[in-house]
Amino acid sequence: MGSFSIWHWLIVLVIVLLLFGAGKIPKLMGDMAKGVKAFKKGLNEDDDAPATKPAEAQRLEGEAAAKPAEKDPAHH
């Protein structure tokens, strides 16, 4: 009584097809797949972000070390 039988699922499928039409279902599934891909890409970009920041910080520190120190005119 608590679970759906095959007939229940077939009735639900027929109702969904009548409401959305057979042409819209593949489009909806494609849009959902694009959303999942974008979500996964966003997660991967978040994982990559901390790895690139230390390299950028090292590059900036290297540039600062390569510049000669400016002399303070007050100490002349």
C-alpha atoms as a PDB file:
ATOM      1  CA  MET A   1       0.000   0.000   0.000  1.00  0.00           C
ATOM      2  CA  GLY A   2       2.903   2.395   0.698  1.00  0.00           C
ATOM      3  CA  SER A   3       4.814   1.785  -2.541  1.00  0.00           C
ATOM      4  CA  PHE A   4       3.881   2.571  -6.121  1.00  0.00           C
ATOM      5  CA  SER A   5       3.142  -0.228  -8.552  1.00  0.00           C
ATOM      6  CA  ILE A   6       4.058  -0.187 -12.241  1.00  0.00           C
ATOM      7  CA  TRP A   7       0.530   1.049 -13.056  1.00  0.00           C
ATOM      8  CA  HIS A   8       0.955   4.064 -10.821  1.00  0.00           C
ATOM      9  CA  TRP A   9       4.215   4.967 -12.552  1.00  0.00           C
ATOM     10  CA  LEU A  10       2.638   4.546 -15.997  1.00  0.00           C
ATOM     11  CA  ILE A  11      -0.216   6.873 -15.063  1.00  0.00           C
ATOM     12  CA  VAL A  12       2.253   9.467 -13.747  1.00  0.00           C
ATOM     13  CA  LEU A  13       4.272   9.157 -16.992  1.00  0.00           C
ATOM     14  CA  VAL A  14       1.156   9.682 -19.133  1.00  0.00           C
ATOM     15  CA  ILE A  15       0.175  12.761 -17.120  1.00  0.00           C
ATOM     16  CA  VAL A  16       3.688  14.213 -17.406  1.00  0.00           C
ATOM     17  CA  LEU A  17       3.674  13.614 -21.174  1.00  0.00           C
ATOM     18  CA  LEU A  18       0.289  15.294 -21.496  1.00  0.00           C
ATOM     19  CA  LEU A  19       1.347  18.319 -19.452  1.00  0.00           C
ATOM     20  CA  PHE A  20       4.791  18.928 -20.918  1.00  0.00           C
ATOM     21  CA  GLY A  21       4.576  17.247 -24.305  1.00  0.00           C
ATOM     22  CA  ALA A  22       7.042  14.733 -25.682  1.00  0.00           C
ATOM     23  CA  GLY A  23       9.244  17.448 -27.224  1.00  0.00           C
ATOM     24  CA  LYS A  24       9.876  19.408 -24.040  1.00  0.00           C
ATOM     25  CA  ILE A  25      11.103  16.513 -21.913  1.00  0.00           C
ATOM     26  CA  PRO A  26      14.437  16.021 -23.768  1.00  0.00           C
ATOM     27  CA  LYS A  27      14.968  19.791 -23.675  1.00  0.00           C
ATOM     28  CA  LEU A  28      14.338  19.870 -19.918  1.00  0.00           C
ATOM     29  CA  MET A  29      16.717  16.968 -19.375  1.00  0.00           C
ATOM     30  CA  GLY A  30      19.383  18.702 -21.480  1.00  0.00           C
ATOM     31  CA  ASP A  31      18.998  21.885 -19.471  1.00  0.00           C
ATOM     32  CA  MET A  32      19.279  19.910 -16.258  1.00  0.00           C
ATOM     33  CA  ALA A  33      22.458  18.211 -17.526  1.00  0.00           C
ATOM     34  CA  LYS A  34      23.967  21.615 -18.372  1.00  0.00           C
ATOM     35  CA  GLY A  35      23.134  22.806 -14.871  1.00  0.00           C
ATOM     36  CA  VAL A  36      24.846  19.811 -13.305  1.00  0.00           C
ATOM     37  CA  LYS A  37      27.946  20.353 -15.476  1.00  0.00           C
ATOM     38  CA  ALA A  38      28.075  24.028 -14.517  1.00  0.00           C
ATOM     39  CA  PHE A  39      27.733  23.099 -10.842  1.00  0.00           C
ATOM     40  CA  LYS A  40      30.598  20.585 -11.072  1.00  0.00           C
ATOM     41  CA  LYS A  41      32.748  23.120 -12.929  1.00  0.00           C
ATOM     42  CA  GLY A  42      32.087  25.643 -10.172  1.00  0.00           C
ATOM     43  CA  LEU A  43      33.154  23.143  -7.542  1.00  0.00           C
ATOM     44  CA  ASN A  44      36.372  22.378  -9.431  1.00  0.00           C
ATOM     45  CA  GLU A  45      37.164  26.097  -9.792  1.00  0.00           C
ATOM     46  CA  ASP A  46      36.776  26.551  -6.035  1.00  0.00           C
ATOM     47  CA  ASP A  47      39.240  23.709  -5.453  1.00  0.00           C
ATOM     48  CA  ASP A  48      41.755  25.235  -7.898  1.00  0.00           C
ATOM     49  CA  ALA A  49      41.576  28.773  -6.498  1.00  0.00           C
ATOM     50  CA  PRO A  50      43.636  28.241  -3.298  1.00  0.00           C
ATOM     51  CA  ALA A  51      46.372  26.474  -5.269  1.00  0.00           C
ATOM     52  CA  THR A  52      46.874  29.486  -7.569  1.00  0.00           C
ATOM     53  CA  LYS A  53      46.917  32.165  -4.880  1.00  0.00           C
ATOM     54  CA  PRO A  54      50.197  31.085  -3.242  1.00  0.00           C
ATOM     55  CA  ALA A  55      51.919  31.024  -6.645  1.00  0.00           C
ATOM     56  CA  GLU A  56      50.703  34.550  -7.356  1.00  0.00           C
ATOM     57  CA  ALA A  57      51.847  35.670  -3.916  1.00  0.00           C
ATOM     58  CA  GLN A  58      55.288  34.173  -4.561  1.00  0.00           C
ATOM     59  CA  ARG A  59      55.470  35.975  -7.919  1.00  0.00           C
ATOM     60  CA  LEU A  60      54.596  39.291  -6.280  1.00  0.00           C
ATOM     61  CA  GLU A  61      57.159  38.728  -3.525  1.00  0.00           C
ATOM     62  CA  GLY A  62      59.780  37.920  -6.172  1.00  0.00           C
ATOM     63  CA  GLU A  63      59.002  41.139  -8.027  1.00  0.00           C
ATOM     64  CA  ALA A  64      59.253  43.139  -4.804  1.00  0.00           C
ATOM     65  CA  ALA A  65      62.611  41.558  -3.981  1.00  0.00           C
ATOM     66  CA  ALA A  66      63.951  42.271  -7.475  1.00  0.00           C
ATOM     67  CA  LYS A  67      63.264  46.018  -7.168  1.00  0.00           C
ATOM     68  CA  PRO A  68      65.997  47.983  -5.465  1.00  0.00           C
ATOM     69  CA  ALA A  69      65.011  49.406  -2.127  1.00  0.00           C
ATOM     70  CA  GLU A  70      64.012  53.052  -2.328  1.00  0.00           C
ATOM     71  CA  LYS A  71      66.136  55.303  -0.180  1.00  0.00           C
ATOM     72  CA  ASP A  72      64.350  57.526   2.248  1.00  0.00           C
ATOM     73  CA  PRO A  73      65.554  61.113   1.751  1.00  0.00           C
ATOM     74  CA  ALA A  74      65.170  61.787   5.474  1.00  0.00           C
ATOM     75  CA  HIS A  75      67.993  59.316   6.265  1.00  0.00           C
ATOM     76  CA  HIS A  76      70.576  61.035   4.029  1.00  0.00           C
END
